[in-house]
Amino acid sequence: MAIDTTIYDRSSGVSSAILDWLQMLTGAGLILFMWSHMVLVASVNLGAGAMNTLARFFEDTYMAQVGGPLIGATFLLHFILAARKVPFRTEQQSTIWKHTRALHHLDTWLWLVQAFTAMIILIMGSIHMWTVLTDLPITAAKSAARIQGGFWLVFYLILLPMVELHVGIGFYRIGVKWGFIKRSNRKGLKRFENILTGIFILIGLITIIRFMTLSI
């Protein structure tokens, strides 16, 4: 007797759509968090007191104690959702690499960069969050001491561009996938995303230099 698989195919399609929406929503949330996080940490450029005041506000309202673990959980959930489409096996990686080189398609290259940076962020981002959240309260002096230690300077010089590239490409690809960015305005918005990514990397570098010169 033949079995009608239509209901299973439809169910699978709905499940995939829900997971795609969750991936988009968690990604958008993390993009907003990372941009906000960069601005808040960069407040040290206005003085150690400015950063300490903001950090104290987040801790006094328990936003750091509660929000930190929530961001970590969102970060992990987003990675799990995105990993559904990442080629982990060697033969899969070889195939996607060959196809990307053959197609010469910018958005495909961007996807590869996003997948590569995701692997680095998963490890380094987890280390960063664990280090910060297990050493509360956050202060400018603690952050400066960590960066002036040597190892952490190299660590953040690697993590900074990885995060901003991933976030910037993610912002662009969300717009393309969900129809906010159309063919008519894609070129201009891609240029805007490149400029925005460059600005945040520059802010991050200035902030790292500030921590390097901050008296502890």
N, C-alpha and C. Protein backbone atom coordinates (compact mmCIF):
# COMPACT_ATOMS: atom_id res chain seq x y z
N MET A 1 0.86 -1.20 0.00
CA MET A 1 0.00 0.00 0.00
C MET A 1 0.89 1.25 0.00
N ALA A 2 0.59 2.17 -0.88
CA ALA A 2 1.39 3.39 -0.98
C ALA A 2 1.11 4.29 0.22
N ILE A 3 2.14 4.96 0.70
CA ILE A 3 2.01 5.84 1.86
C ILE A 3 2.12 7.28 1.39
N ASP A 4 1.15 8.09 1.74
CA ASP A 4 1.15 9.50 1.37
C ASP A 4 2.14 10.25 2.27
N THR A 5 3.20 10.76 1.65
CA THR A 5 4.25 11.44 2.43
C THR A 5 4.06 12.95 2.46
N THR A 6 2.99 13.43 1.87
CA THR A 6 2.78 14.89 1.79
C THR A 6 2.77 15.54 3.16
N ILE A 7 2.06 14.89 4.12
CA ILE A 7 1.95 15.48 5.45
C ILE A 7 3.30 15.55 6.14
N TYR A 8 4.18 14.53 5.87
CA TYR A 8 5.51 14.53 6.47
C TYR A 8 6.38 15.62 5.85
N ASP A 9 6.27 15.76 4.51
CA ASP A 9 7.05 16.79 3.83
C ASP A 9 6.64 18.18 4.30
N ARG A 10 5.30 18.37 4.46
CA ARG A 10 4.80 19.66 4.91
C ARG A 10 5.27 19.94 6.33
N SER A 11 5.23 18.94 7.19
CA SER A 11 5.68 19.09 8.57
C SER A 11 7.15 19.44 8.63
N SER A 12 7.93 18.76 7.78
CA SER A 12 9.36 19.04 7.74
C SER A 12 9.63 20.46 7.28
N GLY A 13 8.83 20.93 6.29
CA GLY A 13 9.01 22.29 5.79
C GLY A 13 8.67 23.33 6.84
N VAL A 14 7.60 23.09 7.59
CA VAL A 14 7.20 24.02 8.65
C VAL A 14 8.26 24.07 9.75
N SER A 15 8.77 22.90 10.11
CA SER A 15 9.81 22.84 11.15
C SER A 15 11.06 23.59 10.71
N SER A 16 11.44 23.41 9.45
CA SER A 16 12.62 24.10 8.92
C SER A 16 12.41 25.61 8.91
N ALA A 17 11.19 26.04 8.56
CA ALA A 17 10.88 27.47 8.53
C ALA A 17 10.95 28.07 9.94
N ILE A 18 10.42 27.34 10.92
CA ILE A 18 10.46 27.81 12.31
C ILE A 18 11.90 27.94 12.79
N LEU A 19 12.73 26.94 12.47
CA LEU A 19 14.14 26.98 12.87
C LEU A 19 14.87 28.13 12.18
N ASP A 20 14.51 28.40 10.91
CA ASP A 20 15.12 29.52 10.20
C ASP A 20 14.74 30.85 10.85
N TRP A 21 13.48 30.96 11.27
CA TRP A 21 13.04 32.18 11.96
C TRP A 21 13.76 32.35 13.29
N LEU A 22 13.91 31.26 14.02
CA LEU A 22 14.64 31.32 15.29
C LEU A 22 16.09 31.72 15.07
N GLN A 23 16.68 31.17 14.02
CA GLN A 23 18.07 31.53 13.70
C GLN A 23 18.18 33.01 13.37
N MET A 24 17.21 33.53 12.60
CA MET A 24 17.23 34.93 12.25
C MET A 24 17.02 35.82 13.47
N LEU A 25 16.07 35.46 14.33
CA LEU A 25 15.77 36.27 15.51
C LEU A 25 16.92 36.27 16.51
N THR A 26 17.51 35.09 16.76
CA THR A 26 18.66 35.05 17.67
C THR A 26 19.85 35.78 17.08
N GLY A 27 20.03 35.67 15.76
CA GLY A 27 21.12 36.38 15.10
C GLY A 27 20.93 37.89 15.20
N ALA A 28 19.72 38.36 14.93
CA ALA A 28 19.43 39.79 15.01
C ALA A 28 19.64 40.31 16.43
N GLY A 29 19.19 39.51 17.41
CA GLY A 29 19.38 39.90 18.81
C GLY A 29 20.85 40.01 19.18
N LEU A 30 21.65 39.06 18.70
CA LEU A 30 23.08 39.08 19.00
C LEU A 30 23.79 40.22 18.28
N ILE A 31 23.33 40.56 17.08
CA ILE A 31 23.90 41.71 16.36
C ILE A 31 23.68 42.98 17.17
N LEU A 32 22.45 43.19 17.64
CA LEU A 32 22.15 44.38 18.44
C LEU A 32 22.96 44.39 19.73
N PHE A 33 23.11 43.20 20.34
CA PHE A 33 23.89 43.12 21.58
C PHE A 33 25.35 43.49 21.32
N MET A 34 25.94 42.94 20.25
CA MET A 34 27.35 43.19 19.98
C MET A 34 27.62 44.66 19.67
N TRP A 35 26.73 45.29 18.92
CA TRP A 35 26.91 46.71 18.64
C TRP A 35 26.78 47.52 19.93
N SER A 36 25.79 47.18 20.75
CA SER A 36 25.62 47.87 22.04
C SER A 36 26.81 47.63 22.95
N HIS A 37 27.28 46.39 22.98
CA HIS A 37 28.43 46.02 23.81
C HIS A 37 29.66 46.82 23.41
N MET A 38 29.88 46.97 22.10
CA MET A 38 31.03 47.73 21.63
C MET A 38 30.95 49.18 22.09
N VAL A 39 29.78 49.78 21.96
CA VAL A 39 29.60 51.18 22.37
C VAL A 39 29.83 51.33 23.88
N LEU A 40 29.30 50.40 24.66
CA LEU A 40 29.43 50.48 26.12
C LEU A 40 30.88 50.31 26.57
N VAL A 41 31.58 49.34 25.98
CA VAL A 41 32.99 49.15 26.35
C VAL A 41 33.83 50.34 25.90
N ALA A 42 33.46 50.91 24.74
CA ALA A 42 34.21 52.06 24.22
C ALA A 42 34.01 53.30 25.08
N SER A 43 33.09 53.24 26.04
CA SER A 43 32.90 54.39 26.93
C SER A 43 34.16 54.67 27.74
N VAL A 44 35.08 53.69 27.82
CA VAL A 44 36.34 53.90 28.53
C VAL A 44 37.16 55.01 27.87
N ASN A 45 36.88 55.26 26.58
CA ASN A 45 37.60 56.34 25.89
C ASN A 45 37.20 57.71 26.42
N LEU A 46 36.07 57.75 27.12
CA LEU A 46 35.65 59.00 27.77
C LEU A 46 36.19 59.09 29.19
N GLY A 47 36.87 58.02 29.60
CA GLY A 47 37.43 57.97 30.95
C GLY A 47 37.02 56.69 31.66
N ALA A 48 37.87 56.21 32.56
CA ALA A 48 37.58 54.98 33.30
C ALA A 48 36.29 55.13 34.10
N GLY A 49 36.04 56.34 34.62
CA GLY A 49 34.84 56.57 35.41
C GLY A 49 33.56 56.34 34.61
N ALA A 50 33.58 56.71 33.34
CA ALA A 50 32.40 56.54 32.49
C ALA A 50 32.07 55.07 32.33
N MET A 51 33.08 54.26 32.07
CA MET A 51 32.86 52.83 31.92
C MET A 51 32.43 52.19 33.23
N ASN A 52 33.07 52.59 34.32
CA ASN A 52 32.72 52.03 35.63
C ASN A 52 31.28 52.37 36.04
N THR A 53 30.85 53.57 35.70
CA THR A 53 29.48 53.98 36.03
C THR A 53 28.47 53.13 35.28
N LEU A 54 28.71 52.92 33.99
CA LEU A 54 27.80 52.10 33.19
C LEU A 54 27.79 50.65 33.69
N ALA A 55 28.99 50.12 33.96
CA ALA A 55 29.09 48.74 34.44
C ALA A 55 28.37 48.59 35.78
N ARG A 56 28.52 49.57 36.65
CA ARG A 56 27.86 49.51 37.96
C ARG A 56 26.35 49.54 37.82
N PHE A 57 25.86 50.33 36.85
CA PHE A 57 24.42 50.38 36.61
C PHE A 57 23.89 49.00 36.20
N PHE A 58 24.58 48.33 35.28
CA PHE A 58 24.14 47.02 34.81
C PHE A 58 24.20 45.97 35.92
N GLU A 59 25.16 46.12 36.81
CA GLU A 59 25.27 45.15 37.91
C GLU A 59 24.28 45.45 39.04
N ASP A 60 24.05 46.73 39.32
CA ASP A 60 23.09 47.09 40.37
C ASP A 60 21.67 46.70 39.98
N THR A 61 21.38 46.69 38.68
CA THR A 61 20.06 46.31 38.20
C THR A 61 20.01 44.82 37.83
N TYR A 62 21.10 44.10 38.09
CA TYR A 62 21.23 42.67 37.82
C TYR A 62 21.13 42.32 36.33
N MET A 63 21.31 43.33 35.48
CA MET A 63 21.30 43.07 34.04
C MET A 63 22.53 42.28 33.62
N ALA A 64 23.63 42.50 34.31
CA ALA A 64 24.86 41.76 33.98
C ALA A 64 24.76 40.32 34.47
N GLN A 65 24.28 40.15 35.71
CA GLN A 65 24.21 38.80 36.30
C GLN A 65 23.18 37.92 35.58
N VAL A 66 22.06 38.52 35.16
CA VAL A 66 21.01 37.75 34.48
C VAL A 66 21.20 37.80 32.97
N GLY A 67 21.49 38.99 32.46
CA GLY A 67 21.64 39.16 31.01
C GLY A 67 22.82 38.41 30.43
N GLY A 68 23.92 38.34 31.20
CA GLY A 68 25.11 37.64 30.71
C GLY A 68 24.83 36.18 30.36
N PRO A 69 24.29 35.39 31.31
CA PRO A 69 23.95 34.00 31.00
C PRO A 69 22.92 33.87 29.89
N LEU A 70 21.95 34.81 29.82
CA LEU A 70 20.94 34.76 28.75
C LEU A 70 21.58 34.98 27.38
N ILE A 71 22.52 35.92 27.33
CA ILE A 71 23.24 36.14 26.07
C ILE A 71 24.05 34.91 25.70
N GLY A 72 24.68 34.29 26.72
CA GLY A 72 25.44 33.06 26.47
C GLY A 72 24.57 31.95 25.92
N ALA A 73 23.36 31.80 26.48
CA ALA A 73 22.43 30.77 26.01
C ALA A 73 21.95 31.08 24.60
N THR A 74 21.69 32.36 24.32
CA THR A 74 21.27 32.76 22.97
C THR A 74 22.38 32.51 21.97
N PHE A 75 23.59 32.81 22.38
CA PHE A 75 24.78 32.59 21.56
C PHE A 75 24.92 31.11 21.18
N LEU A 76 24.74 30.23 22.17
CA LEU A 76 24.85 28.79 21.92
C LEU A 76 23.70 28.31 21.05
N LEU A 77 22.47 28.77 21.31
CA LEU A 77 21.31 28.37 20.51
C LEU A 77 21.48 28.80 19.06
N HIS A 78 21.97 30.01 18.85
CA HIS A 78 22.18 30.51 17.49
C HIS A 78 23.19 29.65 16.75
N PHE A 79 24.26 29.26 17.44
CA PHE A 79 25.27 28.43 16.79
C PHE A 79 24.68 27.07 16.40
N ILE A 80 23.89 26.47 17.30
CA ILE A 80 23.28 25.17 17.01
C ILE A 80 22.35 25.27 15.81
N LEU A 81 21.55 26.35 15.76
CA LEU A 81 20.64 26.53 14.63
C LEU A 81 21.39 26.74 13.32
N ALA A 82 22.45 27.54 13.37
CA ALA A 82 23.22 27.82 12.17
C ALA A 82 24.03 26.61 11.72
N ALA A 83 24.44 25.76 12.68
CA ALA A 83 25.28 24.60 12.37
C ALA A 83 24.55 23.58 11.50
N ARG A 84 23.21 23.68 11.43
CA ARG A 84 22.46 22.75 10.58
C ARG A 84 22.91 22.82 9.12
N LYS A 85 23.41 23.99 8.71
CA LYS A 85 23.75 24.19 7.30
C LYS A 85 25.25 24.33 7.06
N VAL A 86 26.03 24.09 8.10
CA VAL A 86 27.48 24.20 7.96
C VAL A 86 28.08 22.83 7.62
N PRO A 87 28.90 22.75 6.56
CA PRO A 87 29.52 21.47 6.21
C PRO A 87 30.68 21.14 7.15
N PHE A 88 30.54 20.10 7.96
CA PHE A 88 31.58 19.73 8.90
C PHE A 88 32.49 18.63 8.36
N ARG A 89 31.95 17.77 7.52
CA ARG A 89 32.75 16.67 7.00
C ARG A 89 33.69 17.14 5.90
N THR A 90 34.82 16.47 5.77
CA THR A 90 35.87 16.90 4.84
C THR A 90 35.37 16.94 3.41
N GLU A 91 34.62 15.91 2.99
CA GLU A 91 34.14 15.87 1.61
C GLU A 91 33.13 16.98 1.34
N GLN A 92 32.32 17.34 2.37
CA GLN A 92 31.38 18.44 2.21
C GLN A 92 32.10 19.77 2.06
N GLN A 93 33.14 19.94 2.87
CA GLN A 93 33.92 21.17 2.80
C GLN A 93 34.62 21.30 1.45
N SER A 94 35.14 20.19 0.95
CA SER A 94 35.80 20.19 -0.35
C SER A 94 34.83 20.56 -1.46
N THR A 95 33.62 20.03 -1.38
CA THR A 95 32.60 20.31 -2.40
C THR A 95 32.18 21.77 -2.40
N ILE A 96 31.89 22.31 -1.21
CA ILE A 96 31.45 23.70 -1.14
C ILE A 96 32.57 24.65 -1.55
N TRP A 97 33.80 24.29 -1.23
CA TRP A 97 34.95 25.12 -1.63
C TRP A 97 35.09 25.16 -3.16
N LYS A 98 34.95 24.00 -3.81
CA LYS A 98 35.04 23.93 -5.28
C LYS A 98 33.92 24.71 -5.93
N HIS A 99 32.71 24.56 -5.41
CA HIS A 99 31.57 25.27 -5.98
C HIS A 99 31.71 26.77 -5.81
N THR A 100 32.21 27.19 -4.66
CA THR A 100 32.38 28.63 -4.40
C THR A 100 33.40 29.24 -5.36
N ARG A 101 34.50 28.54 -5.57
CA ARG A 101 35.52 29.03 -6.49
C ARG A 101 35.01 29.08 -7.92
N ALA A 102 34.16 28.12 -8.27
CA ALA A 102 33.63 28.06 -9.64
C ALA A 102 32.57 29.14 -9.89
N LEU A 103 31.75 29.41 -8.87
CA LEU A 103 30.65 30.34 -9.03
C LEU A 103 31.09 31.81 -9.05
N HIS A 104 32.15 32.14 -8.31
CA HIS A 104 32.62 33.53 -8.18
C HIS A 104 31.48 34.44 -7.71
N HIS A 105 30.70 33.95 -6.73
CA HIS A 105 29.53 34.69 -6.25
C HIS A 105 29.84 35.29 -4.88
N LEU A 106 29.72 36.61 -4.76
CA LEU A 106 30.11 37.32 -3.54
C LEU A 106 29.38 36.80 -2.31
N ASP A 107 28.07 36.62 -2.42
CA ASP A 107 27.30 36.21 -1.25
C ASP A 107 27.69 34.81 -0.77
N THR A 108 28.13 33.94 -1.70
CA THR A 108 28.60 32.61 -1.30
C THR A 108 29.91 32.71 -0.53
N TRP A 109 30.80 33.60 -0.99
CA TRP A 109 32.05 33.82 -0.26
C TRP A 109 31.78 34.39 1.12
N LEU A 110 30.81 35.29 1.20
CA LEU A 110 30.46 35.88 2.49
C LEU A 110 29.95 34.81 3.45
N TRP A 111 29.17 33.86 2.93
CA TRP A 111 28.68 32.77 3.77
C TRP A 111 29.84 31.93 4.31
N LEU A 112 30.85 31.69 3.46
CA LEU A 112 32.01 30.92 3.92
C LEU A 112 32.77 31.67 5.01
N VAL A 113 32.95 32.98 4.82
CA VAL A 113 33.62 33.80 5.84
C VAL A 113 32.83 33.76 7.14
N GLN A 114 31.51 33.84 7.03
CA GLN A 114 30.67 33.81 8.23
C GLN A 114 30.78 32.47 8.95
N ALA A 115 30.80 31.37 8.18
CA ALA A 115 30.93 30.04 8.78
C ALA A 115 32.29 29.89 9.47
N PHE A 116 33.35 30.39 8.83
CA PHE A 116 34.70 30.28 9.39
C PHE A 116 34.82 31.11 10.67
N THR A 117 34.33 32.35 10.63
CA THR A 117 34.42 33.21 11.82
C THR A 117 33.56 32.66 12.96
N ALA A 118 32.46 31.97 12.62
CA ALA A 118 31.59 31.41 13.66
C ALA A 118 32.34 30.38 14.50
N MET A 119 33.18 29.57 13.87
CA MET A 119 33.93 28.55 14.60
C MET A 119 34.91 29.19 15.59
N ILE A 120 35.55 30.27 15.15
CA ILE A 120 36.51 30.97 16.01
C ILE A 120 35.78 31.66 17.15
N ILE A 121 34.64 32.32 16.83
CA ILE A 121 33.88 33.04 17.85
C ILE A 121 33.31 32.08 18.89
N LEU A 122 32.90 30.89 18.46
CA LEU A 122 32.34 29.92 19.39
C LEU A 122 33.33 29.63 20.52
N ILE A 123 34.60 29.44 20.16
CA ILE A 123 35.63 29.12 21.15
C ILE A 123 36.07 30.36 21.92
N MET A 124 36.47 31.40 21.17
CA MET A 124 37.03 32.58 21.82
C MET A 124 35.96 33.38 22.55
N GLY A 125 34.76 33.45 21.96
CA GLY A 125 33.68 34.17 22.61
C GLY A 125 33.27 33.52 23.92
N SER A 126 33.27 32.19 23.95
CA SER A 126 32.94 31.46 25.18
C SER A 126 33.98 31.73 26.26
N ILE A 127 35.25 31.75 25.87
CA ILE A 127 36.33 32.04 26.82
C ILE A 127 36.17 33.45 27.38
N HIS A 128 35.88 34.40 26.50
CA HIS A 128 35.71 35.80 26.93
C HIS A 128 34.55 35.93 27.92
N MET A 129 33.39 35.36 27.57
CA MET A 129 32.22 35.48 28.44
C MET A 129 32.46 34.82 29.79
N TRP A 130 33.08 33.65 29.78
CA TRP A 130 33.35 32.95 31.04
C TRP A 130 34.29 33.77 31.92
N THR A 131 35.33 34.32 31.31
CA THR A 131 36.32 35.11 32.05
C THR A 131 35.69 36.34 32.70
N VAL A 132 34.84 37.04 31.94
CA VAL A 132 34.23 38.27 32.44
C VAL A 132 33.16 37.97 33.49
N LEU A 133 32.28 37.01 33.20
CA LEU A 133 31.14 36.75 34.10
C LEU A 133 31.54 36.06 35.40
N THR A 134 32.71 35.43 35.42
CA THR A 134 33.17 34.79 36.66
C THR A 134 34.10 35.72 37.45
N ASP A 135 34.21 36.96 36.99
CA ASP A 135 35.08 37.91 37.68
C ASP A 135 34.39 39.26 37.84
N LEU A 136 33.10 39.20 38.16
CA LEU A 136 32.35 40.43 38.40
C LEU A 136 32.80 41.05 39.73
N PRO A 137 32.71 42.36 39.89
CA PRO A 137 32.14 43.33 38.96
C PRO A 137 33.11 43.71 37.84
N ILE A 138 32.53 44.17 36.75
CA ILE A 138 33.33 44.64 35.61
C ILE A 138 33.84 46.04 35.94
N THR A 139 35.12 46.26 35.75
CA THR A 139 35.71 47.60 35.94
C THR A 139 36.71 47.87 34.83
N ALA A 140 36.97 49.14 34.61
CA ALA A 140 37.94 49.52 33.59
C ALA A 140 39.33 49.00 33.96
N ALA A 141 39.64 49.02 35.26
CA ALA A 141 40.96 48.57 35.72
C ALA A 141 41.16 47.08 35.44
N LYS A 142 40.14 46.27 35.69
CA LYS A 142 40.25 44.83 35.42
C LYS A 142 40.44 44.57 33.93
N SER A 143 39.66 45.26 33.11
CA SER A 143 39.77 45.09 31.66
C SER A 143 41.14 45.51 31.17
N ALA A 144 41.64 46.62 31.69
CA ALA A 144 42.96 47.11 31.30
C ALA A 144 44.05 46.13 31.72
N ALA A 145 43.96 45.61 32.94
CA ALA A 145 44.96 44.66 33.44
C ALA A 145 44.98 43.40 32.59
N ARG A 146 43.80 42.97 32.16
CA ARG A 146 43.72 41.76 31.35
C ARG A 146 44.42 41.98 30.01
N ILE A 147 44.14 43.09 29.37
CA ILE A 147 44.73 43.36 28.06
C ILE A 147 46.22 43.64 28.17
N GLN A 148 46.63 44.30 29.23
CA GLN A 148 48.05 44.60 29.40
C GLN A 148 48.86 43.36 29.78
N GLY A 149 48.16 42.25 30.03
CA GLY A 149 48.85 41.01 30.38
C GLY A 149 49.60 40.36 29.23
N GLY A 150 49.32 40.79 27.98
CA GLY A 150 50.06 40.24 26.84
C GLY A 150 49.23 39.25 26.05
N PHE A 151 48.91 38.10 26.64
CA PHE A 151 48.14 37.06 25.95
C PHE A 151 46.78 37.60 25.51
N TRP A 152 46.11 38.33 26.40
CA TRP A 152 44.77 38.82 26.10
C TRP A 152 44.78 39.88 25.01
N LEU A 153 45.88 40.60 24.87
CA LEU A 153 45.98 41.58 23.79
C LEU A 153 45.88 40.89 22.44
N VAL A 154 46.66 39.84 22.25
CA VAL A 154 46.61 39.06 21.01
C VAL A 154 45.23 38.43 20.84
N PHE A 155 44.70 37.92 21.93
CA PHE A 155 43.37 37.28 21.93
C PHE A 155 42.32 38.23 21.37
N TYR A 156 42.28 39.47 21.88
CA TYR A 156 41.25 40.41 21.45
C TYR A 156 41.55 41.00 20.07
N LEU A 157 42.80 41.07 19.69
CA LEU A 157 43.13 41.53 18.34
C LEU A 157 42.66 40.53 17.29
N ILE A 158 42.55 39.27 17.68
CA ILE A 158 42.00 38.25 16.77
C ILE A 158 40.47 38.24 16.85
N LEU A 159 39.95 38.27 18.09
CA LEU A 159 38.50 38.17 18.28
C LEU A 159 37.75 39.37 17.69
N LEU A 160 38.31 40.56 17.82
CA LEU A 160 37.63 41.78 17.36
C LEU A 160 37.23 41.72 15.89
N PRO A 161 38.17 41.52 14.95
CA PRO A 161 37.75 41.48 13.54
C PRO A 161 36.87 40.28 13.22
N MET A 162 37.07 39.16 13.90
CA MET A 162 36.23 37.99 13.65
C MET A 162 34.76 38.30 13.99
N VAL A 163 34.55 38.92 15.15
CA VAL A 163 33.20 39.25 15.58
C VAL A 163 32.56 40.27 14.65
N GLU A 164 33.30 41.33 14.33
CA GLU A 164 32.71 42.39 13.51
C GLU A 164 32.44 41.93 12.09
N LEU A 165 33.31 41.08 11.53
CA LEU A 165 33.05 40.52 10.21
C LEU A 165 31.79 39.64 10.25
N HIS A 166 31.71 38.79 11.26
CA HIS A 166 30.57 37.89 11.39
C HIS A 166 29.27 38.67 11.56
N VAL A 167 29.30 39.66 12.43
CA VAL A 167 28.11 40.47 12.70
C VAL A 167 27.70 41.27 11.46
N GLY A 168 28.68 41.89 10.81
CA GLY A 168 28.38 42.70 9.63
C GLY A 168 27.80 41.86 8.49
N ILE A 169 28.42 40.72 8.22
CA ILE A 169 27.92 39.83 7.17
C ILE A 169 26.55 39.29 7.56
N GLY A 170 26.38 38.96 8.84
CA GLY A 170 25.09 38.46 9.30
C GLY A 170 23.99 39.48 9.10
N PHE A 171 24.27 40.74 9.41
CA PHE A 171 23.32 41.84 9.21
C PHE A 171 22.91 41.93 7.75
N TYR A 172 23.90 41.84 6.87
CA TYR A 172 23.64 41.92 5.42
C TYR A 172 22.84 40.71 4.94
N ARG A 173 23.23 39.51 5.36
CA ARG A 173 22.58 38.29 4.87
C ARG A 173 21.16 38.13 5.41
N ILE A 174 20.89 38.62 6.62
CA ILE A 174 19.52 38.62 7.13
C ILE A 174 18.64 39.49 6.24
N GLY A 175 19.17 40.66 5.86
CA GLY A 175 18.42 41.56 4.99
C GLY A 175 18.13 40.96 3.64
N VAL A 176 19.12 40.26 3.07
CA VAL A 176 18.94 39.63 1.76
C VAL A 176 17.96 38.47 1.84
N LYS A 177 18.15 37.58 2.83
CA LYS A 177 17.33 36.38 2.93
C LYS A 177 15.87 36.69 3.18
N TRP A 178 15.59 37.69 4.01
CA TRP A 178 14.21 37.98 4.40
C TRP A 178 13.60 39.13 3.62
N GLY A 179 14.28 39.55 2.54
CA GLY A 179 13.68 40.49 1.61
C GLY A 179 13.79 41.96 1.95
N PHE A 180 14.53 42.30 3.03
CA PHE A 180 14.70 43.71 3.37
C PHE A 180 15.69 44.39 2.41
N ILE A 181 16.64 43.61 1.93
CA ILE A 181 17.60 44.10 0.95
C ILE A 181 17.25 43.46 -0.39
N LYS A 182 16.95 44.29 -1.38
CA LYS A 182 16.55 43.81 -2.68
C LYS A 182 17.66 44.03 -3.70
N ARG A 183 17.50 43.45 -4.87
CA ARG A 183 18.53 43.55 -5.89
C ARG A 183 18.83 45.01 -6.25
N SER A 184 17.80 45.85 -6.21
CA SER A 184 17.97 47.25 -6.60
C SER A 184 18.84 48.04 -5.64
N ASN A 185 18.80 47.69 -4.35
CA ASN A 185 19.58 48.47 -3.37
C ASN A 185 20.69 47.65 -2.72
N ARG A 186 20.94 46.44 -3.25
CA ARG A 186 21.91 45.55 -2.61
C ARG A 186 23.32 46.13 -2.62
N LYS A 187 23.74 46.70 -3.74
CA LYS A 187 25.11 47.21 -3.84
C LYS A 187 25.36 48.33 -2.83
N GLY A 188 24.41 49.26 -2.73
CA GLY A 188 24.57 50.38 -1.82
C GLY A 188 24.56 49.94 -0.36
N LEU A 189 23.69 49.02 -0.02
CA LEU A 189 23.61 48.55 1.36
C LEU A 189 24.81 47.68 1.73
N LYS A 190 25.36 46.97 0.75
CA LYS A 190 26.58 46.19 1.01
C LYS A 190 27.74 47.14 1.31
N ARG A 191 27.80 48.25 0.59
CA ARG A 191 28.84 49.25 0.86
C ARG A 191 28.64 49.84 2.26
N PHE A 192 27.39 50.11 2.62
CA PHE A 192 27.09 50.63 3.96
C PHE A 192 27.51 49.64 5.03
N GLU A 193 27.24 48.35 4.81
CA GLU A 193 27.63 47.32 5.78
C GLU A 193 29.15 47.27 5.93
N ASN A 194 29.88 47.40 4.82
CA ASN A 194 31.35 47.39 4.87
C ASN A 194 31.87 48.58 5.69
N ILE A 195 31.27 49.74 5.45
CA ILE A 195 31.69 50.94 6.19
C ILE A 195 31.38 50.78 7.68
N LEU A 196 30.19 50.26 7.99
CA LEU A 196 29.78 50.06 9.38
C LEU A 196 30.72 49.09 10.08
N THR A 197 31.07 48.00 9.40
CA THR A 197 32.00 47.02 9.97
C THR A 197 33.36 47.67 10.23
N GLY A 198 33.83 48.46 9.27
CA GLY A 198 35.11 49.15 9.43
C GLY A 198 35.09 50.11 10.60
N ILE A 199 33.98 50.83 10.78
CA ILE A 199 33.85 51.78 11.89
C ILE A 199 33.94 51.06 13.23
N PHE A 200 33.23 49.93 13.36
CA PHE A 200 33.24 49.19 14.63
C PHE A 200 34.60 48.57 14.91
N ILE A 201 35.30 48.11 13.87
CA ILE A 201 36.65 47.59 14.08
C ILE A 201 37.57 48.71 14.53
N LEU A 202 37.43 49.89 13.93
CA LEU A 202 38.24 51.04 14.32
C LEU A 202 37.96 51.44 15.77
N ILE A 203 36.68 51.49 16.14
CA ILE A 203 36.32 51.81 17.53
C ILE A 203 36.94 50.79 18.48
N GLY A 204 36.87 49.51 18.09
CA GLY A 204 37.45 48.45 18.92
C GLY A 204 38.95 48.60 19.09
N LEU A 205 39.65 48.93 18.01
CA LEU A 205 41.11 49.11 18.09
C LEU A 205 41.47 50.31 18.96
N ILE A 206 40.73 51.40 18.82
CA ILE A 206 40.97 52.58 19.66
C ILE A 206 40.75 52.24 21.13
N THR A 207 39.73 51.44 21.40
CA THR A 207 39.41 51.05 22.78
C THR A 207 40.51 50.15 23.35
N ILE A 208 41.02 49.23 22.54
CA ILE A 208 42.12 48.36 22.99
C ILE A 208 43.36 49.19 23.32
N ILE A 209 43.65 50.17 22.46
CA ILE A 209 44.80 51.06 22.71
C ILE A 209 44.59 51.83 24.00
N ARG A 210 43.36 52.27 24.23
CA ARG A 210 43.05 53.01 25.46
C ARG A 210 43.28 52.13 26.68
N PHE A 211 42.86 50.87 26.63
CA PHE A 211 43.09 49.95 27.74
C PHE A 211 44.59 49.71 27.94
N MET A 212 45.33 49.68 26.84
CA MET A 212 46.78 49.46 26.94
C MET A 212 47.47 50.61 27.65
N THR A 213 46.94 51.81 27.53
CA THR A 213 47.58 52.99 28.12
C THR A 213 46.95 53.41 29.45
N LEU A 214 45.88 52.71 29.84
CA LEU A 214 45.19 53.08 31.08
C LEU A 214 46.00 52.67 32.30
N SER A 215 46.16 53.58 33.22
CA SER A 215 46.91 53.29 34.44
C SER A 215 46.10 52.40 35.34
N ILE A 216 46.72 51.29 35.81
CA ILE A 216 46.02 50.37 36.70
C ILE A 216 46.73 50.27 38.06
